N, C-alpha and C. Protein backbone atom coordinates (compact mmCIF):
# COMPACT_ATOMS: atom_id res chain seq x y z
N MET A 1 86.83 -53.06 19.61
CA MET A 1 86.55 -52.75 18.22
C MET A 1 85.87 -53.92 17.52
N ARG A 2 86.45 -55.11 17.62
CA ARG A 2 85.87 -56.28 16.98
C ARG A 2 84.51 -56.64 17.57
N THR A 3 84.36 -56.43 18.87
CA THR A 3 83.10 -56.76 19.53
C THR A 3 81.98 -55.89 18.99
N ARG A 4 82.25 -54.60 18.79
CA ARG A 4 81.23 -53.70 18.24
C ARG A 4 80.88 -54.09 16.82
N ARG A 5 81.88 -54.44 16.04
CA ARG A 5 81.63 -54.84 14.65
C ARG A 5 80.77 -56.11 14.62
N LEU A 6 81.10 -57.05 15.47
CA LEU A 6 80.34 -58.29 15.56
C LEU A 6 78.90 -58.01 16.00
N GLN A 7 78.73 -57.11 16.96
CA GLN A 7 77.40 -56.75 17.43
C GLN A 7 76.58 -56.13 16.30
N ARG A 8 77.20 -55.26 15.50
CA ARG A 8 76.49 -54.65 14.38
C ARG A 8 76.07 -55.70 13.35
N VAL A 9 76.99 -56.62 13.06
CA VAL A 9 76.69 -57.68 12.08
C VAL A 9 75.54 -58.54 12.59
N LEU A 10 75.59 -58.95 13.85
CA LEU A 10 74.52 -59.79 14.41
C LEU A 10 73.22 -59.01 14.56
N GLY A 11 73.32 -57.72 14.78
CA GLY A 11 72.12 -56.89 14.84
C GLY A 11 71.41 -56.81 13.50
N ARG A 12 72.19 -56.82 12.43
CA ARG A 12 71.59 -56.77 11.08
C ARG A 12 71.16 -58.13 10.59
N CYS A 13 71.75 -59.19 11.12
CA CYS A 13 71.43 -60.54 10.65
C CYS A 13 71.47 -61.52 11.83
N PRO A 14 70.47 -61.49 12.73
CA PRO A 14 70.50 -62.35 13.91
C PRO A 14 70.37 -63.85 13.59
N GLN A 15 69.96 -64.20 12.38
CA GLN A 15 69.84 -65.61 12.00
C GLN A 15 71.20 -66.31 12.02
N LEU A 16 72.27 -65.54 11.98
CA LEU A 16 73.62 -66.13 11.99
C LEU A 16 73.90 -66.90 13.27
N LEU A 17 73.23 -66.51 14.36
CA LEU A 17 73.46 -67.18 15.63
C LEU A 17 73.03 -68.64 15.59
N GLY A 18 72.05 -68.97 14.77
CA GLY A 18 71.56 -70.34 14.70
C GLY A 18 72.22 -71.18 13.63
N LEU A 19 73.16 -70.60 12.90
CA LEU A 19 73.79 -71.34 11.81
C LEU A 19 74.86 -72.29 12.35
N PRO A 20 74.90 -73.52 11.85
CA PRO A 20 75.95 -74.44 12.28
C PRO A 20 77.33 -73.95 11.82
N ARG A 21 78.31 -74.24 12.60
CA ARG A 21 79.68 -73.80 12.32
C ARG A 21 80.17 -74.33 10.96
N LYS A 22 79.81 -75.56 10.62
CA LYS A 22 80.24 -76.14 9.35
C LYS A 22 79.72 -75.33 8.17
N ARG A 23 78.50 -74.84 8.30
CA ARG A 23 77.90 -74.05 7.23
C ARG A 23 78.66 -72.73 7.06
N LEU A 24 78.98 -72.08 8.17
CA LEU A 24 79.74 -70.83 8.12
C LEU A 24 81.11 -71.07 7.47
N GLU A 25 81.75 -72.17 7.87
CA GLU A 25 83.06 -72.49 7.33
C GLU A 25 83.00 -72.82 5.84
N ALA A 26 81.92 -73.47 5.41
CA ALA A 26 81.76 -73.83 4.00
C ALA A 26 81.66 -72.57 3.14
N VAL A 27 80.88 -71.60 3.58
CA VAL A 27 80.74 -70.35 2.82
C VAL A 27 82.06 -69.59 2.83
N GLU A 28 82.70 -69.53 3.98
CA GLU A 28 83.98 -68.84 4.08
C GLU A 28 85.02 -69.49 3.17
N ARG A 29 85.06 -70.82 3.17
CA ARG A 29 86.01 -71.56 2.32
C ARG A 29 85.71 -71.31 0.84
N LEU A 30 84.44 -71.28 0.48
CA LEU A 30 84.06 -71.02 -0.91
C LEU A 30 84.55 -69.64 -1.35
N LEU A 31 84.29 -68.63 -0.52
CA LEU A 31 84.68 -67.27 -0.89
C LEU A 31 86.20 -67.10 -0.93
N ARG A 32 86.91 -67.80 -0.05
CA ARG A 32 88.38 -67.67 -0.02
C ARG A 32 89.05 -68.53 -1.08
N GLU A 33 88.65 -69.80 -1.18
CA GLU A 33 89.38 -70.74 -2.03
C GLU A 33 88.89 -70.80 -3.47
N ARG A 34 87.59 -70.77 -3.67
CA ARG A 34 87.08 -70.89 -5.03
C ARG A 34 86.86 -69.54 -5.70
N CYS A 35 86.44 -68.54 -4.92
CA CYS A 35 86.22 -67.21 -5.48
C CYS A 35 87.46 -66.33 -5.35
N LEU A 36 88.42 -66.76 -4.56
CA LEU A 36 89.72 -66.11 -4.41
C LEU A 36 89.66 -64.69 -3.84
N PHE A 37 88.75 -64.45 -2.91
CA PHE A 37 88.75 -63.18 -2.20
C PHE A 37 89.87 -63.21 -1.16
N THR A 38 90.52 -62.09 -0.96
CA THR A 38 91.55 -62.00 0.08
C THR A 38 90.85 -61.94 1.44
N ALA A 39 91.63 -62.07 2.50
CA ALA A 39 91.06 -61.99 3.85
C ALA A 39 90.42 -60.63 4.09
N ALA A 40 91.05 -59.56 3.64
CA ALA A 40 90.50 -58.22 3.82
C ALA A 40 89.21 -58.04 3.02
N GLN A 41 89.20 -58.56 1.78
CA GLN A 41 87.99 -58.47 0.95
C GLN A 41 86.85 -59.28 1.56
N LEU A 42 87.18 -60.47 2.05
CA LEU A 42 86.17 -61.31 2.68
C LEU A 42 85.58 -60.62 3.91
N SER A 43 86.43 -60.00 4.69
CA SER A 43 85.97 -59.27 5.86
C SER A 43 85.03 -58.14 5.46
N ALA A 44 85.37 -57.42 4.39
CA ALA A 44 84.52 -56.34 3.91
C ALA A 44 83.19 -56.87 3.40
N VAL A 45 83.21 -57.99 2.69
CA VAL A 45 81.96 -58.60 2.19
C VAL A 45 81.07 -58.99 3.36
N LEU A 46 81.65 -59.65 4.35
CA LEU A 46 80.86 -60.11 5.49
C LEU A 46 80.34 -58.95 6.34
N HIS A 47 81.10 -57.89 6.42
CA HIS A 47 80.65 -56.72 7.17
C HIS A 47 79.51 -56.00 6.44
N ALA A 48 79.64 -55.87 5.12
CA ALA A 48 78.62 -55.17 4.33
C ALA A 48 77.35 -55.99 4.17
N CYS A 49 77.52 -57.29 4.06
CA CYS A 49 76.37 -58.16 3.78
C CYS A 49 76.50 -59.47 4.55
N PRO A 50 76.23 -59.45 5.85
CA PRO A 50 76.38 -60.68 6.64
C PRO A 50 75.42 -61.79 6.21
N ALA A 51 74.33 -61.43 5.56
CA ALA A 51 73.36 -62.45 5.11
C ALA A 51 73.94 -63.37 4.06
N VAL A 52 75.11 -63.02 3.50
CA VAL A 52 75.76 -63.88 2.53
C VAL A 52 76.05 -65.25 3.14
N LEU A 53 76.24 -65.29 4.45
CA LEU A 53 76.52 -66.56 5.13
C LEU A 53 75.30 -67.48 5.18
N LEU A 54 74.12 -66.94 4.93
CA LEU A 54 72.89 -67.74 4.95
C LEU A 54 72.61 -68.40 3.60
N ARG A 55 73.32 -67.96 2.57
CA ARG A 55 73.03 -68.45 1.22
C ARG A 55 73.68 -69.80 0.98
N GLU A 56 73.09 -70.55 0.07
CA GLU A 56 73.63 -71.86 -0.30
C GLU A 56 74.92 -71.66 -1.10
N PRO A 57 75.97 -72.39 -0.77
CA PRO A 57 77.25 -72.20 -1.49
C PRO A 57 77.16 -72.32 -3.01
N PRO A 58 76.43 -73.29 -3.59
CA PRO A 58 76.39 -73.32 -5.06
C PRO A 58 75.75 -72.06 -5.67
N ALA A 59 74.70 -71.54 -5.04
CA ALA A 59 74.06 -70.32 -5.55
C ALA A 59 74.99 -69.13 -5.40
N LEU A 60 75.71 -69.08 -4.32
CA LEU A 60 76.66 -68.00 -4.07
C LEU A 60 77.80 -68.04 -5.09
N HIS A 61 78.26 -69.23 -5.37
CA HIS A 61 79.33 -69.39 -6.36
C HIS A 61 78.85 -68.98 -7.75
N HIS A 62 77.62 -69.33 -8.09
CA HIS A 62 77.04 -68.94 -9.38
C HIS A 62 76.94 -67.42 -9.48
N HIS A 63 76.54 -66.77 -8.40
CA HIS A 63 76.44 -65.32 -8.32
C HIS A 63 77.81 -64.70 -8.62
N PHE A 64 78.83 -65.21 -7.96
CA PHE A 64 80.19 -64.72 -8.17
C PHE A 64 80.64 -64.94 -9.62
N GLN A 65 80.42 -66.15 -10.14
CA GLN A 65 80.87 -66.47 -11.50
C GLN A 65 80.21 -65.58 -12.54
N TYR A 66 78.94 -65.29 -12.35
CA TYR A 66 78.24 -64.40 -13.28
C TYR A 66 78.92 -63.03 -13.30
N ALA A 67 79.18 -62.48 -12.11
CA ALA A 67 79.80 -61.16 -12.03
C ALA A 67 81.22 -61.18 -12.59
N TYR A 68 81.96 -62.22 -12.32
CA TYR A 68 83.36 -62.29 -12.73
C TYR A 68 83.50 -62.57 -14.23
N PHE A 69 82.84 -63.61 -14.70
CA PHE A 69 83.02 -64.03 -16.08
C PHE A 69 82.12 -63.29 -17.05
N ARG A 70 80.86 -63.13 -16.72
CA ARG A 70 79.92 -62.52 -17.65
C ARG A 70 80.02 -61.00 -17.65
N MET A 71 80.18 -60.41 -16.46
CA MET A 71 80.24 -58.96 -16.38
C MET A 71 81.67 -58.43 -16.42
N GLY A 72 82.63 -59.30 -16.18
CA GLY A 72 84.03 -58.89 -16.21
C GLY A 72 84.46 -58.06 -15.01
N LEU A 73 83.79 -58.24 -13.88
CA LEU A 73 84.12 -57.47 -12.68
C LEU A 73 85.30 -58.08 -11.95
N ARG A 74 86.11 -57.23 -11.37
CA ARG A 74 87.21 -57.69 -10.54
C ARG A 74 86.75 -57.76 -9.10
N HIS A 75 87.52 -58.45 -8.29
CA HIS A 75 87.16 -58.64 -6.89
C HIS A 75 86.93 -57.32 -6.16
N GLU A 76 87.81 -56.36 -6.39
CA GLU A 76 87.69 -55.07 -5.71
C GLU A 76 86.37 -54.40 -6.04
N ALA A 77 85.97 -54.46 -7.32
CA ALA A 77 84.71 -53.85 -7.74
C ALA A 77 83.52 -54.57 -7.11
N MET A 78 83.62 -55.89 -6.96
CA MET A 78 82.53 -56.64 -6.33
C MET A 78 82.36 -56.24 -4.87
N VAL A 79 83.49 -56.09 -4.18
CA VAL A 79 83.44 -55.71 -2.76
C VAL A 79 82.91 -54.29 -2.63
N LYS A 80 83.48 -53.38 -3.41
CA LYS A 80 83.08 -51.98 -3.33
C LYS A 80 81.61 -51.79 -3.72
N GLY A 81 81.15 -52.55 -4.70
CA GLY A 81 79.77 -52.44 -5.17
C GLY A 81 78.78 -53.28 -4.39
N ARG A 82 79.26 -53.99 -3.35
CA ARG A 82 78.41 -54.83 -2.48
C ARG A 82 77.57 -55.81 -3.32
N LEU A 83 78.27 -56.57 -4.14
CA LEU A 83 77.66 -57.53 -5.05
C LEU A 83 76.67 -58.46 -4.36
N PHE A 84 77.05 -59.02 -3.22
CA PHE A 84 76.23 -60.06 -2.60
C PHE A 84 75.07 -59.51 -1.79
N CYS A 85 74.94 -58.19 -1.71
CA CYS A 85 73.81 -57.59 -0.98
C CYS A 85 72.54 -57.59 -1.83
N ALA A 86 72.69 -57.75 -3.13
CA ALA A 86 71.54 -57.75 -4.02
C ALA A 86 71.24 -59.17 -4.48
N PRO A 87 69.98 -59.48 -4.68
CA PRO A 87 69.65 -60.83 -5.18
C PRO A 87 70.21 -61.05 -6.58
N PHE A 88 70.55 -62.30 -6.87
CA PHE A 88 71.12 -62.63 -8.17
C PHE A 88 70.15 -62.28 -9.30
N ALA A 89 68.87 -62.53 -9.10
CA ALA A 89 67.88 -62.25 -10.16
C ALA A 89 67.90 -60.77 -10.54
N GLU A 90 68.04 -59.90 -9.55
CA GLU A 90 68.07 -58.46 -9.83
C GLU A 90 69.34 -58.09 -10.58
N LEU A 91 70.46 -58.67 -10.20
CA LEU A 91 71.73 -58.44 -10.91
C LEU A 91 71.60 -58.85 -12.36
N ARG A 92 71.10 -60.04 -12.58
CA ARG A 92 70.98 -60.57 -13.95
C ARG A 92 70.03 -59.71 -14.78
N ARG A 93 68.93 -59.31 -14.18
CA ARG A 93 67.92 -58.52 -14.90
C ARG A 93 68.48 -57.15 -15.29
N ARG A 94 69.06 -56.45 -14.34
CA ARG A 94 69.55 -55.10 -14.64
C ARG A 94 70.76 -55.13 -15.57
N HIS A 95 71.66 -56.09 -15.35
CA HIS A 95 72.82 -56.21 -16.23
C HIS A 95 72.38 -56.56 -17.64
N GLY A 96 71.46 -57.51 -17.77
CA GLY A 96 70.96 -57.90 -19.09
C GLY A 96 70.31 -56.75 -19.82
N PHE A 97 69.56 -55.93 -19.09
CA PHE A 97 68.90 -54.77 -19.68
C PHE A 97 69.95 -53.79 -20.21
N LEU A 98 70.94 -53.49 -19.40
CA LEU A 98 71.99 -52.57 -19.84
C LEU A 98 72.78 -53.14 -21.02
N GLU A 99 73.02 -54.43 -20.97
CA GLU A 99 73.77 -55.08 -22.04
C GLU A 99 73.01 -54.98 -23.37
N ARG A 100 71.73 -55.22 -23.33
CA ARG A 100 70.93 -55.17 -24.55
C ARG A 100 70.72 -53.75 -25.06
N LEU A 101 70.82 -52.80 -24.17
CA LEU A 101 70.76 -51.40 -24.59
C LEU A 101 72.11 -50.93 -25.14
N GLY A 102 73.14 -51.74 -24.96
CA GLY A 102 74.48 -51.37 -25.41
C GLY A 102 75.20 -50.48 -24.43
N LEU A 103 74.71 -50.42 -23.19
CA LEU A 103 75.30 -49.56 -22.18
C LEU A 103 76.27 -50.31 -21.26
N TYR A 104 76.39 -51.61 -21.44
CA TYR A 104 77.32 -52.41 -20.64
C TYR A 104 77.98 -53.42 -21.56
N ARG A 105 79.30 -53.42 -21.54
CA ARG A 105 80.06 -54.38 -22.34
C ARG A 105 81.09 -55.06 -21.46
N ALA A 106 81.14 -56.37 -21.53
CA ALA A 106 82.16 -57.12 -20.80
C ALA A 106 83.49 -56.94 -21.50
N PRO A 107 84.56 -56.86 -20.74
CA PRO A 107 85.87 -56.69 -21.39
C PRO A 107 86.27 -57.96 -22.15
N ARG A 108 86.91 -57.76 -23.25
CA ARG A 108 87.42 -58.88 -24.03
C ARG A 108 88.89 -59.10 -23.64
N LYS A 109 89.31 -60.33 -23.78
CA LYS A 109 90.69 -60.67 -23.41
C LYS A 109 91.67 -59.83 -24.23
N GLY A 110 92.62 -59.24 -23.53
CA GLY A 110 93.64 -58.44 -24.19
C GLY A 110 93.23 -57.00 -24.45
N GLN A 111 91.99 -56.63 -24.13
CA GLN A 111 91.54 -55.27 -24.34
C GLN A 111 91.37 -54.56 -23.01
N GLU A 112 91.33 -53.26 -23.06
CA GLU A 112 91.10 -52.49 -21.86
C GLU A 112 89.66 -52.66 -21.39
N HIS A 113 89.45 -52.40 -20.10
CA HIS A 113 88.09 -52.46 -19.57
C HIS A 113 87.26 -51.33 -20.15
N PRO A 114 86.10 -51.64 -20.72
CA PRO A 114 85.24 -50.58 -21.24
C PRO A 114 84.66 -49.75 -20.09
N GLN A 115 84.21 -48.55 -20.40
CA GLN A 115 83.59 -47.70 -19.39
C GLN A 115 82.15 -48.17 -19.18
N ASN A 116 81.95 -48.92 -18.13
CA ASN A 116 80.63 -49.43 -17.77
C ASN A 116 80.13 -48.70 -16.54
N PRO A 117 78.84 -48.71 -16.32
CA PRO A 117 78.32 -48.14 -15.07
C PRO A 117 78.89 -48.92 -13.88
N GLN A 118 79.03 -48.24 -12.76
CA GLN A 118 79.54 -48.89 -11.56
C GLN A 118 78.50 -49.86 -11.01
N LEU A 119 78.99 -50.92 -10.38
CA LEU A 119 78.12 -51.95 -9.83
C LEU A 119 77.13 -51.38 -8.82
N LYS A 120 77.59 -50.47 -7.98
CA LYS A 120 76.69 -49.90 -6.96
C LYS A 120 75.53 -49.15 -7.62
N ASP A 121 75.77 -48.53 -8.76
CA ASP A 121 74.70 -47.83 -9.47
C ASP A 121 73.74 -48.81 -10.14
N ILE A 122 74.26 -49.92 -10.58
CA ILE A 122 73.42 -50.93 -11.21
C ILE A 122 72.52 -51.60 -10.18
N LEU A 123 73.09 -51.94 -9.03
CA LEU A 123 72.37 -52.75 -8.06
C LEU A 123 71.60 -51.98 -6.99
N HIS A 124 72.13 -50.88 -6.53
CA HIS A 124 71.60 -50.31 -5.30
C HIS A 124 70.78 -49.03 -5.48
N LEU A 125 70.63 -48.57 -6.70
CA LEU A 125 69.74 -47.44 -6.92
C LEU A 125 68.31 -47.95 -6.98
N PRO A 126 67.34 -47.18 -6.51
CA PRO A 126 65.95 -47.58 -6.71
C PRO A 126 65.66 -47.70 -8.21
N GLU A 127 64.68 -48.49 -8.54
CA GLU A 127 64.42 -48.78 -9.96
C GLU A 127 64.22 -47.51 -10.79
N ASP A 128 63.47 -46.55 -10.29
CA ASP A 128 63.24 -45.33 -11.08
C ASP A 128 64.54 -44.55 -11.30
N ALA A 129 65.39 -44.48 -10.30
CA ALA A 129 66.68 -43.79 -10.45
C ALA A 129 67.60 -44.58 -11.38
N PHE A 130 67.58 -45.91 -11.28
CA PHE A 130 68.37 -46.75 -12.17
C PHE A 130 67.96 -46.50 -13.62
N LEU A 131 66.66 -46.48 -13.87
CA LEU A 131 66.18 -46.28 -15.23
C LEU A 131 66.51 -44.89 -15.75
N ALA A 132 66.38 -43.88 -14.90
CA ALA A 132 66.61 -42.50 -15.34
C ALA A 132 68.09 -42.19 -15.55
N SER A 133 68.93 -42.58 -14.59
CA SER A 133 70.32 -42.14 -14.67
C SER A 133 71.27 -43.15 -15.29
N VAL A 134 71.03 -44.43 -15.12
CA VAL A 134 71.97 -45.43 -15.63
C VAL A 134 71.50 -45.97 -16.99
N ALA A 135 70.27 -46.47 -17.05
CA ALA A 135 69.78 -47.09 -18.29
C ALA A 135 69.23 -46.07 -19.28
N ARG A 136 68.82 -44.92 -18.77
CA ARG A 136 68.20 -43.88 -19.61
C ARG A 136 67.08 -44.48 -20.45
N ALA A 137 66.18 -45.17 -19.76
CA ALA A 137 65.06 -45.84 -20.41
C ALA A 137 63.79 -45.57 -19.61
N THR A 138 62.67 -45.90 -20.21
CA THR A 138 61.38 -45.69 -19.53
C THR A 138 61.00 -46.92 -18.73
N PRO A 139 60.16 -46.75 -17.74
CA PRO A 139 59.68 -47.91 -16.98
C PRO A 139 58.95 -48.92 -17.88
N GLN A 140 58.27 -48.44 -18.90
CA GLN A 140 57.55 -49.35 -19.81
C GLN A 140 58.54 -50.24 -20.57
N GLU A 141 59.65 -49.66 -21.01
CA GLU A 141 60.66 -50.45 -21.71
C GLU A 141 61.24 -51.53 -20.79
N TYR A 142 61.46 -51.17 -19.54
CA TYR A 142 62.01 -52.13 -18.58
C TYR A 142 61.00 -53.24 -18.29
N GLU A 143 59.74 -52.89 -18.19
CA GLU A 143 58.70 -53.90 -17.95
C GLU A 143 58.64 -54.90 -19.11
N VAL A 144 58.70 -54.39 -20.33
CA VAL A 144 58.70 -55.27 -21.51
C VAL A 144 59.92 -56.19 -21.47
N PHE A 145 61.08 -55.62 -21.14
CA PHE A 145 62.29 -56.43 -21.05
C PHE A 145 62.14 -57.53 -20.01
N LYS A 146 61.58 -57.19 -18.84
CA LYS A 146 61.42 -58.20 -17.78
C LYS A 146 60.52 -59.34 -18.24
N LYS A 147 59.45 -59.01 -18.98
CA LYS A 147 58.56 -60.05 -19.50
C LYS A 147 59.28 -60.94 -20.51
N LEU A 148 60.06 -60.31 -21.40
CA LEU A 148 60.82 -61.09 -22.38
C LEU A 148 61.86 -61.98 -21.71
N LEU A 149 62.52 -61.45 -20.69
CA LEU A 149 63.52 -62.22 -19.96
C LEU A 149 62.87 -63.42 -19.26
N ALA A 150 61.71 -63.20 -18.65
CA ALA A 150 61.00 -64.29 -18.00
C ALA A 150 60.63 -65.37 -19.01
N ARG A 151 60.20 -64.96 -20.18
CA ARG A 151 59.85 -65.92 -21.24
C ARG A 151 61.09 -66.70 -21.68
N GLU A 152 62.22 -66.02 -21.84
CA GLU A 152 63.47 -66.69 -22.21
C GLU A 152 63.88 -67.70 -21.15
N GLU A 153 63.76 -67.33 -19.89
CA GLU A 153 64.12 -68.24 -18.79
C GLU A 153 63.22 -69.47 -18.78
N GLU A 154 61.93 -69.27 -19.04
CA GLU A 154 61.00 -70.41 -19.10
C GLU A 154 61.38 -71.34 -20.25
N GLU A 155 61.73 -70.77 -21.39
CA GLU A 155 62.13 -71.60 -22.54
C GLU A 155 63.41 -72.37 -22.23
N GLU A 156 64.37 -71.73 -21.57
CA GLU A 156 65.61 -72.41 -21.19
C GLU A 156 65.32 -73.58 -20.25
N GLU A 157 64.45 -73.35 -19.26
CA GLU A 157 64.09 -74.41 -18.32
C GLU A 157 63.41 -75.56 -19.05
N ARG A 158 62.50 -75.23 -19.98
CA ARG A 158 61.80 -76.26 -20.74
C ARG A 158 62.78 -77.07 -21.57
N GLU A 159 63.73 -76.39 -22.22
CA GLU A 159 64.73 -77.09 -23.03
C GLU A 159 65.60 -78.01 -22.16
N GLN A 160 65.97 -77.54 -20.97
CA GLN A 160 66.77 -78.37 -20.06
C GLN A 160 65.99 -79.59 -19.63
N GLU A 161 64.70 -79.42 -19.33
CA GLU A 161 63.88 -80.56 -18.94
C GLU A 161 63.76 -81.56 -20.07
N GLU A 162 63.59 -81.06 -21.30
CA GLU A 162 63.49 -81.95 -22.46
C GLU A 162 64.79 -82.71 -22.66
N GLU A 163 65.92 -82.03 -22.51
CA GLU A 163 67.22 -82.69 -22.65
C GLU A 163 67.39 -83.77 -21.59
N GLU A 164 66.97 -83.47 -20.37
CA GLU A 164 67.08 -84.46 -19.29
C GLU A 164 66.18 -85.66 -19.57
N GLU A 165 64.99 -85.41 -20.09
CA GLU A 165 64.08 -86.51 -20.43
C GLU A 165 64.68 -87.37 -21.54
N GLU A 166 65.28 -86.72 -22.55
CA GLU A 166 65.91 -87.46 -23.64
C GLU A 166 67.07 -88.31 -23.12
N GLU A 167 67.86 -87.75 -22.21
CA GLU A 167 68.96 -88.51 -21.63
C GLU A 167 68.44 -89.70 -20.84
N ASP A 168 67.35 -89.51 -20.10
CA ASP A 168 66.74 -90.60 -19.34
C ASP A 168 66.23 -91.68 -20.28
N ASP A 169 65.59 -91.25 -21.40
CA ASP A 169 65.09 -92.22 -22.37
C ASP A 169 66.24 -93.01 -22.99
N ASP A 170 67.34 -92.30 -23.33
CA ASP A 170 68.51 -92.98 -23.89
C ASP A 170 69.08 -93.99 -22.89
N ASP A 171 69.13 -93.61 -21.62
CA ASP A 171 69.62 -94.52 -20.59
C ASP A 171 68.72 -95.74 -20.47
N ASP A 172 67.39 -95.52 -20.57
CA ASP A 172 66.45 -96.64 -20.49
C ASP A 172 66.66 -97.61 -21.65
N VAL A 173 66.88 -97.05 -22.85
CA VAL A 173 67.10 -97.90 -24.02
C VAL A 173 68.39 -98.68 -23.86
N LEU A 174 69.45 -98.03 -23.42
CA LEU A 174 70.72 -98.72 -23.23
C LEU A 174 70.60 -99.80 -22.16
N PHE A 175 69.87 -99.51 -21.10
CA PHE A 175 69.68 -100.47 -20.04
C PHE A 175 68.89 -101.67 -20.55
N ALA A 176 67.85 -101.42 -21.34
CA ALA A 176 67.04 -102.51 -21.88
C ALA A 176 67.87 -103.36 -22.84
N GLU A 177 68.70 -102.71 -23.69
CA GLU A 177 69.54 -103.47 -24.61
C GLU A 177 70.55 -104.31 -23.84
N GLY A 178 71.07 -103.75 -22.76
CA GLY A 178 72.02 -104.48 -21.93
C GLY A 178 71.38 -105.71 -21.30
N ASP A 179 70.11 -105.61 -20.91
CA ASP A 179 69.39 -106.75 -20.33
C ASP A 179 69.24 -107.85 -21.35
N GLU A 180 68.92 -107.47 -22.61
CA GLU A 180 68.75 -108.48 -23.65
C GLU A 180 70.06 -109.21 -23.90
N ASP A 181 71.16 -108.48 -23.87
CA ASP A 181 72.46 -109.10 -24.10
C ASP A 181 72.78 -110.13 -23.02
N LEU A 182 72.37 -109.84 -21.80
CA LEU A 182 72.65 -110.77 -20.71
C LEU A 182 71.91 -112.10 -20.90
N GLY A 183 70.74 -112.02 -21.49
CA GLY A 183 69.95 -113.23 -21.65
C GLY A 183 70.26 -113.97 -22.94
N SER A 184 71.04 -113.39 -23.84
CA SER A 184 71.29 -114.05 -25.13
C SER A 184 72.37 -115.11 -24.98
N GLU A 185 72.43 -115.97 -25.97
CA GLU A 185 73.37 -117.09 -25.93
C GLU A 185 74.80 -116.63 -26.02
N GLY A 186 75.04 -115.52 -26.78
CA GLY A 186 76.41 -115.05 -26.97
C GLY A 186 77.01 -114.48 -25.71
N SER A 187 76.19 -114.13 -24.73
CA SER A 187 76.74 -113.50 -23.54
C SER A 187 77.20 -114.54 -22.52
N ARG A 188 76.83 -115.77 -22.69
CA ARG A 188 77.25 -116.81 -21.74
C ARG A 188 78.65 -117.26 -22.11
N SER A 189 79.48 -117.39 -21.16
CA SER A 189 80.82 -117.85 -21.47
C SER A 189 81.14 -119.11 -20.75
């Protein structure tokens, strides 16, 4: 039984054969210890999407955190909806679109879970079916949203770069002031 399952997994993702053992263990440890998937859930995730083992642990953790904290999904829903089979960008795009349409709401602490579309419908339907049945929007509206989202992401990246440059400039100023103090008379003891 296990041999057939392993053969199916390797048949769908033969790149796993070349992966170092430490890398496999790092992803497994991340999913078990930091994301808190049970052994059965982890097995289901790896069976449904063996390529998850090829992803970088920080990106994988970010993917999980987005679904857990931002979307309010529970572990069972992530496994059932095959969260890791879809790229993070697609998850963020479709979830953001539904959220802005008012069709997806994250649960608030102490409140019941709102009736949101199922993860499998958000991620795994073809775009036209997603727009027709889940978002109830036109392809043109979705295209406009994708352009706006790309613009927002560019602005966020630009702001982060500016903040990093400002921090570097502040560090340079502090370093230069520290050098002057070393050469001044008051610093000699």
